[in-house]
N, C-alpha and C. Protein backbone atom coordinates (compact mmCIF):
# COMPACT_ATOMS: atom_id res chain seq x y z
N UNK A 1 -55.50 0.22 -20.76
CA UNK A 1 -55.69 0.02 -19.34
C UNK A 1 -54.50 0.63 -18.61
N UNK A 2 -54.75 1.40 -17.59
CA UNK A 2 -53.70 1.96 -16.73
C UNK A 2 -53.64 1.13 -15.47
N UNK A 3 -52.44 1.02 -14.93
CA UNK A 3 -52.26 0.29 -13.68
C UNK A 3 -51.31 1.09 -12.80
N UNK A 4 -51.85 2.10 -12.08
CA UNK A 4 -50.98 2.86 -11.19
C UNK A 4 -50.43 1.95 -10.08
N UNK A 5 -49.18 2.16 -9.74
CA UNK A 5 -48.54 1.33 -8.72
C UNK A 5 -47.98 2.22 -7.64
N UNK A 6 -48.35 1.95 -6.40
CA UNK A 6 -47.81 2.63 -5.24
C UNK A 6 -46.88 1.65 -4.55
N UNK A 7 -45.63 2.02 -4.43
CA UNK A 7 -44.64 1.11 -3.87
C UNK A 7 -44.00 1.78 -2.66
N UNK A 8 -44.24 1.23 -1.48
CA UNK A 8 -43.69 1.80 -0.25
C UNK A 8 -43.14 0.70 0.64
N UNK A 9 -42.41 1.09 1.67
CA UNK A 9 -41.87 0.12 2.61
C UNK A 9 -42.87 -0.22 3.71
N UNK A 10 -43.98 0.47 3.75
CA UNK A 10 -45.00 0.22 4.77
C UNK A 10 -46.23 -0.37 4.14
N UNK A 11 -46.83 -1.32 4.83
CA UNK A 11 -48.04 -1.95 4.35
C UNK A 11 -49.25 -1.15 4.79
N UNK A 12 -50.37 -1.39 4.12
CA UNK A 12 -51.63 -0.77 4.52
C UNK A 12 -52.64 -1.87 4.76
N UNK A 13 -53.64 -1.54 5.54
CA UNK A 13 -54.73 -2.49 5.78
C UNK A 13 -55.91 -2.02 4.95
N UNK A 14 -56.47 -2.89 4.16
CA UNK A 14 -57.56 -2.52 3.28
C UNK A 14 -58.59 -3.63 3.30
N UNK A 15 -59.73 -3.34 3.85
CA UNK A 15 -60.80 -4.34 3.89
C UNK A 15 -61.35 -4.55 2.49
N UNK A 16 -61.68 -5.78 2.17
CA UNK A 16 -62.18 -6.09 0.84
C UNK A 16 -63.51 -5.41 0.55
N UNK A 17 -64.23 -5.03 1.56
CA UNK A 17 -65.51 -4.38 1.33
C UNK A 17 -65.42 -2.87 1.59
N UNK A 18 -64.21 -2.31 1.47
CA UNK A 18 -64.04 -0.87 1.65
C UNK A 18 -64.94 -0.14 0.67
N UNK A 19 -65.76 0.80 1.16
CA UNK A 19 -66.73 1.46 0.29
C UNK A 19 -66.13 2.62 -0.52
N UNK A 20 -64.94 2.44 -1.08
CA UNK A 20 -64.33 3.46 -1.91
C UNK A 20 -64.49 2.99 -3.36
N UNK A 21 -65.31 3.68 -4.16
CA UNK A 21 -65.60 3.21 -5.51
C UNK A 21 -64.36 2.93 -6.36
N UNK A 22 -63.33 3.73 -6.24
CA UNK A 22 -62.14 3.54 -7.07
C UNK A 22 -61.49 2.19 -6.80
N UNK A 23 -61.68 1.62 -5.62
CA UNK A 23 -61.08 0.33 -5.31
C UNK A 23 -61.71 -0.81 -6.11
N UNK A 24 -62.92 -0.61 -6.60
CA UNK A 24 -63.55 -1.64 -7.43
C UNK A 24 -62.77 -1.86 -8.71
N UNK A 25 -62.03 -0.85 -9.15
CA UNK A 25 -61.25 -0.96 -10.38
C UNK A 25 -59.75 -0.85 -10.11
N UNK A 26 -59.34 -1.35 -8.96
CA UNK A 26 -57.94 -1.26 -8.55
C UNK A 26 -57.39 -2.61 -8.13
N UNK A 27 -56.08 -2.71 -8.20
CA UNK A 27 -55.35 -3.84 -7.64
C UNK A 27 -54.49 -3.26 -6.53
N UNK A 28 -54.61 -3.83 -5.35
CA UNK A 28 -53.79 -3.38 -4.23
C UNK A 28 -52.89 -4.54 -3.83
N UNK A 29 -51.59 -4.28 -3.88
CA UNK A 29 -50.60 -5.29 -3.51
C UNK A 29 -49.72 -4.68 -2.43
N UNK A 30 -49.55 -5.42 -1.35
CA UNK A 30 -48.67 -4.95 -0.28
C UNK A 30 -47.57 -5.98 -0.05
N UNK A 31 -46.42 -5.50 0.35
CA UNK A 31 -45.26 -6.37 0.57
C UNK A 31 -45.37 -7.18 1.84
N UNK A 32 -46.34 -6.83 2.69
CA UNK A 32 -46.54 -7.58 3.93
C UNK A 32 -47.97 -7.44 4.38
N UNK A 33 -48.37 -8.31 5.28
CA UNK A 33 -49.69 -8.14 5.90
C UNK A 33 -49.56 -6.96 6.88
N UNK A 34 -50.68 -6.38 7.28
CA UNK A 34 -50.63 -5.19 8.13
C UNK A 34 -49.91 -5.39 9.47
N UNK A 35 -49.87 -6.62 9.96
CA UNK A 35 -49.24 -6.87 11.26
C UNK A 35 -47.81 -7.41 11.13
N UNK A 36 -47.25 -7.36 9.92
CA UNK A 36 -45.91 -7.87 9.67
C UNK A 36 -45.02 -6.79 9.07
N UNK A 37 -43.75 -7.09 9.01
CA UNK A 37 -42.76 -6.20 8.42
C UNK A 37 -42.26 -6.81 7.12
N UNK A 38 -42.06 -5.96 6.12
CA UNK A 38 -41.39 -6.45 4.91
C UNK A 38 -39.90 -6.16 5.08
N UNK A 39 -39.09 -6.76 4.24
CA UNK A 39 -37.64 -6.67 4.41
C UNK A 39 -36.98 -6.10 3.17
N UNK A 40 -35.83 -5.48 3.38
CA UNK A 40 -35.05 -4.94 2.28
C UNK A 40 -35.21 -3.45 2.07
N UNK A 41 -35.70 -2.73 3.05
CA UNK A 41 -35.89 -1.28 2.93
C UNK A 41 -34.64 -0.47 3.30
N UNK A 42 -33.54 -1.16 3.57
CA UNK A 42 -32.36 -0.42 4.01
C UNK A 42 -31.76 0.42 2.88
N UNK A 43 -31.06 1.49 3.25
CA UNK A 43 -30.42 2.37 2.25
C UNK A 43 -29.46 1.58 1.36
N UNK A 44 -29.38 1.99 0.12
CA UNK A 44 -28.47 1.35 -0.82
C UNK A 44 -29.11 0.28 -1.68
N UNK A 45 -30.31 -0.15 -1.34
CA UNK A 45 -31.01 -1.15 -2.15
C UNK A 45 -31.93 -0.44 -3.13
N UNK A 46 -32.01 -0.96 -4.34
CA UNK A 46 -32.94 -0.41 -5.33
C UNK A 46 -34.37 -0.86 -5.07
N UNK A 47 -34.52 -2.07 -4.53
CA UNK A 47 -35.83 -2.64 -4.25
C UNK A 47 -35.83 -3.31 -2.88
N UNK A 48 -37.02 -3.45 -2.32
CA UNK A 48 -37.19 -4.32 -1.15
C UNK A 48 -37.16 -5.76 -1.65
N UNK A 49 -37.20 -6.73 -0.73
CA UNK A 49 -37.25 -8.13 -1.15
C UNK A 49 -38.45 -8.37 -2.07
N UNK A 50 -39.60 -7.87 -1.65
CA UNK A 50 -40.80 -8.08 -2.45
C UNK A 50 -40.72 -7.31 -3.77
N UNK A 51 -40.27 -6.08 -3.73
CA UNK A 51 -40.16 -5.28 -4.95
C UNK A 51 -39.26 -5.94 -5.98
N UNK A 52 -38.16 -6.46 -5.52
CA UNK A 52 -37.24 -7.16 -6.41
C UNK A 52 -37.90 -8.40 -7.02
N UNK A 53 -38.55 -9.18 -6.16
CA UNK A 53 -39.19 -10.41 -6.62
C UNK A 53 -40.36 -10.11 -7.57
N UNK A 54 -41.10 -9.04 -7.32
CA UNK A 54 -42.28 -8.73 -8.13
C UNK A 54 -41.91 -7.96 -9.40
N UNK A 55 -41.34 -6.77 -9.20
CA UNK A 55 -41.09 -5.89 -10.34
C UNK A 55 -39.93 -6.35 -11.22
N UNK A 56 -38.83 -6.72 -10.62
CA UNK A 56 -37.67 -7.08 -11.41
C UNK A 56 -37.78 -8.49 -11.99
N UNK A 57 -38.21 -9.45 -11.17
CA UNK A 57 -38.17 -10.84 -11.58
C UNK A 57 -39.49 -11.35 -12.16
N UNK A 58 -40.57 -11.29 -11.39
CA UNK A 58 -41.83 -11.92 -11.81
C UNK A 58 -42.48 -11.22 -13.01
N UNK A 59 -42.53 -9.90 -13.01
CA UNK A 59 -43.16 -9.21 -14.14
C UNK A 59 -42.34 -9.32 -15.42
N UNK A 60 -41.08 -9.72 -15.30
CA UNK A 60 -40.27 -9.98 -16.49
C UNK A 60 -40.65 -11.33 -17.11
N UNK A 61 -41.37 -12.16 -16.34
CA UNK A 61 -41.74 -13.50 -16.80
C UNK A 61 -43.21 -13.63 -17.18
N UNK A 62 -44.04 -12.70 -16.72
CA UNK A 62 -45.48 -12.78 -17.02
C UNK A 62 -46.08 -11.39 -17.05
N UNK A 63 -47.15 -11.23 -17.82
CA UNK A 63 -47.89 -9.96 -17.84
C UNK A 63 -49.08 -10.01 -16.85
N UNK A 64 -49.28 -11.13 -16.23
CA UNK A 64 -50.38 -11.30 -15.30
C UNK A 64 -49.98 -10.78 -13.92
N UNK A 65 -50.64 -9.72 -13.45
CA UNK A 65 -50.34 -9.20 -12.11
C UNK A 65 -50.55 -10.25 -11.02
N UNK A 66 -51.70 -10.97 -11.05
CA UNK A 66 -51.90 -11.99 -10.01
C UNK A 66 -50.86 -13.11 -10.07
N UNK A 67 -50.52 -13.56 -11.26
CA UNK A 67 -49.52 -14.62 -11.39
C UNK A 67 -48.15 -14.11 -10.92
N UNK A 68 -47.80 -12.88 -11.29
CA UNK A 68 -46.54 -12.29 -10.83
C UNK A 68 -46.52 -12.18 -9.31
N UNK A 69 -47.67 -11.83 -8.73
CA UNK A 69 -47.76 -11.75 -7.28
C UNK A 69 -47.46 -13.09 -6.63
N UNK A 70 -48.08 -14.15 -7.14
CA UNK A 70 -47.86 -15.48 -6.57
C UNK A 70 -46.39 -15.91 -6.70
N UNK A 71 -45.78 -15.60 -7.83
CA UNK A 71 -44.37 -15.92 -8.03
C UNK A 71 -43.50 -15.15 -7.03
N UNK A 72 -43.79 -13.87 -6.87
CA UNK A 72 -43.01 -13.04 -5.95
C UNK A 72 -43.22 -13.47 -4.50
N UNK A 73 -44.45 -13.78 -4.16
CA UNK A 73 -44.77 -14.22 -2.80
C UNK A 73 -43.96 -15.48 -2.45
N UNK A 74 -43.88 -16.42 -3.38
CA UNK A 74 -43.12 -17.65 -3.15
C UNK A 74 -41.62 -17.35 -3.03
N UNK A 75 -41.11 -16.46 -3.87
CA UNK A 75 -39.69 -16.11 -3.82
C UNK A 75 -39.34 -15.42 -2.51
N UNK A 76 -40.20 -14.53 -2.06
CA UNK A 76 -39.97 -13.83 -0.80
C UNK A 76 -40.01 -14.81 0.37
N UNK A 77 -40.98 -15.71 0.37
CA UNK A 77 -41.08 -16.70 1.44
C UNK A 77 -39.81 -17.55 1.50
N UNK A 78 -39.30 -17.95 0.35
CA UNK A 78 -38.08 -18.75 0.30
C UNK A 78 -36.90 -17.96 0.87
N UNK A 79 -36.78 -16.69 0.49
CA UNK A 79 -35.69 -15.86 0.98
C UNK A 79 -35.81 -15.62 2.49
N UNK A 80 -37.01 -15.35 2.95
CA UNK A 80 -37.22 -15.12 4.39
C UNK A 80 -36.91 -16.38 5.19
N UNK A 81 -37.31 -17.53 4.69
CA UNK A 81 -37.01 -18.79 5.37
C UNK A 81 -35.50 -19.00 5.44
N UNK A 82 -34.81 -18.77 4.33
CA UNK A 82 -33.36 -18.95 4.29
C UNK A 82 -32.65 -18.04 5.29
N UNK A 83 -33.20 -16.83 5.49
CA UNK A 83 -32.60 -15.87 6.40
C UNK A 83 -33.19 -15.94 7.81
N UNK A 84 -34.07 -16.91 8.03
CA UNK A 84 -34.73 -17.11 9.33
C UNK A 84 -35.46 -15.84 9.80
N UNK A 85 -36.19 -15.22 8.89
CA UNK A 85 -36.97 -14.02 9.19
C UNK A 85 -38.43 -14.40 9.40
N UNK A 86 -39.14 -13.59 10.17
CA UNK A 86 -40.58 -13.78 10.33
C UNK A 86 -41.24 -13.53 8.99
N UNK A 87 -42.06 -14.44 8.49
CA UNK A 87 -42.69 -14.25 7.18
C UNK A 87 -43.45 -12.94 7.09
N UNK A 88 -43.27 -12.24 5.99
CA UNK A 88 -43.93 -10.94 5.80
C UNK A 88 -45.37 -11.08 5.29
N UNK A 89 -45.68 -12.19 4.66
CA UNK A 89 -47.03 -12.49 4.18
C UNK A 89 -47.58 -11.42 3.23
N UNK A 90 -46.98 -11.23 2.06
CA UNK A 90 -47.50 -10.26 1.10
C UNK A 90 -48.98 -10.51 0.81
N UNK A 91 -49.69 -9.43 0.47
CA UNK A 91 -51.14 -9.50 0.26
C UNK A 91 -51.50 -8.93 -1.11
N UNK A 92 -52.58 -9.42 -1.69
CA UNK A 92 -53.12 -8.86 -2.93
C UNK A 92 -54.64 -8.78 -2.80
N UNK A 93 -55.19 -7.73 -3.34
CA UNK A 93 -56.65 -7.58 -3.44
C UNK A 93 -56.94 -7.06 -4.83
N UNK A 94 -57.83 -7.73 -5.54
CA UNK A 94 -58.18 -7.34 -6.90
C UNK A 94 -59.65 -6.93 -6.92
N UNK A 95 -59.89 -5.68 -7.27
CA UNK A 95 -61.25 -5.17 -7.33
C UNK A 95 -62.05 -5.89 -8.40
N UNK A 96 -63.32 -6.12 -8.14
CA UNK A 96 -64.15 -6.88 -9.07
C UNK A 96 -64.29 -6.23 -10.45
N UNK A 97 -64.20 -4.91 -10.52
CA UNK A 97 -64.37 -4.24 -11.80
C UNK A 97 -63.14 -4.34 -12.70
N UNK A 98 -62.00 -4.72 -12.15
CA UNK A 98 -60.79 -4.82 -12.98
C UNK A 98 -60.32 -6.26 -13.18
N UNK A 99 -60.86 -7.18 -12.45
CA UNK A 99 -60.40 -8.57 -12.51
C UNK A 99 -60.43 -9.14 -13.93
N UNK A 100 -61.53 -8.97 -14.63
CA UNK A 100 -61.64 -9.53 -15.99
C UNK A 100 -60.70 -8.80 -16.95
N UNK A 101 -60.55 -7.51 -16.80
CA UNK A 101 -59.64 -6.76 -17.68
C UNK A 101 -58.20 -7.21 -17.49
N UNK A 102 -57.82 -7.52 -16.26
CA UNK A 102 -56.46 -8.02 -16.01
C UNK A 102 -56.25 -9.36 -16.70
N UNK A 103 -57.26 -10.21 -16.62
CA UNK A 103 -57.16 -11.52 -17.27
C UNK A 103 -57.03 -11.35 -18.78
N UNK A 104 -57.85 -10.48 -19.36
CA UNK A 104 -57.79 -10.24 -20.80
C UNK A 104 -56.44 -9.67 -21.21
N UNK A 105 -55.91 -8.75 -20.44
CA UNK A 105 -54.62 -8.15 -20.76
C UNK A 105 -53.50 -9.18 -20.69
N UNK A 106 -53.56 -10.07 -19.73
CA UNK A 106 -52.54 -11.12 -19.62
C UNK A 106 -52.67 -12.13 -20.76
N UNK A 107 -53.90 -12.43 -21.15
CA UNK A 107 -54.13 -13.41 -22.22
C UNK A 107 -53.84 -12.86 -23.61
N UNK A 108 -54.04 -11.56 -23.81
CA UNK A 108 -53.88 -10.93 -25.12
C UNK A 108 -53.05 -9.65 -25.01
N UNK A 109 -51.78 -9.76 -24.69
CA UNK A 109 -50.96 -8.56 -24.45
C UNK A 109 -50.87 -7.60 -25.61
N UNK A 110 -51.02 -8.06 -26.84
CA UNK A 110 -50.90 -7.17 -27.99
C UNK A 110 -52.11 -6.28 -28.19
N UNK A 111 -53.22 -6.57 -27.51
CA UNK A 111 -54.44 -5.81 -27.68
C UNK A 111 -54.56 -4.67 -26.68
N UNK A 112 -53.68 -4.58 -25.71
CA UNK A 112 -53.75 -3.51 -24.71
C UNK A 112 -52.86 -2.37 -25.10
């Protein structure tokens, strides 16, 4: 299973019923909702707040993309609250054609 990852400082808006066939087999994760800003994009940082929480921290603890997302979302919310920032509200959308494969990969990592 391949899992291409697009990581940017800008969020995108993606309707769940977008008629793009490739999205049925994709996971789309954004660091913020379309009407919010994510934090940590300043020069000198290796990751944004969300990138750090997701890629560096959460994926080191689980192979489940959805579980890692929830862990990162909670960590970002905690950091934003501590810094009195407007919540960025990270988003995830999992295409129906890949949802079961993600679960299987998380449950049986040696088989992927």
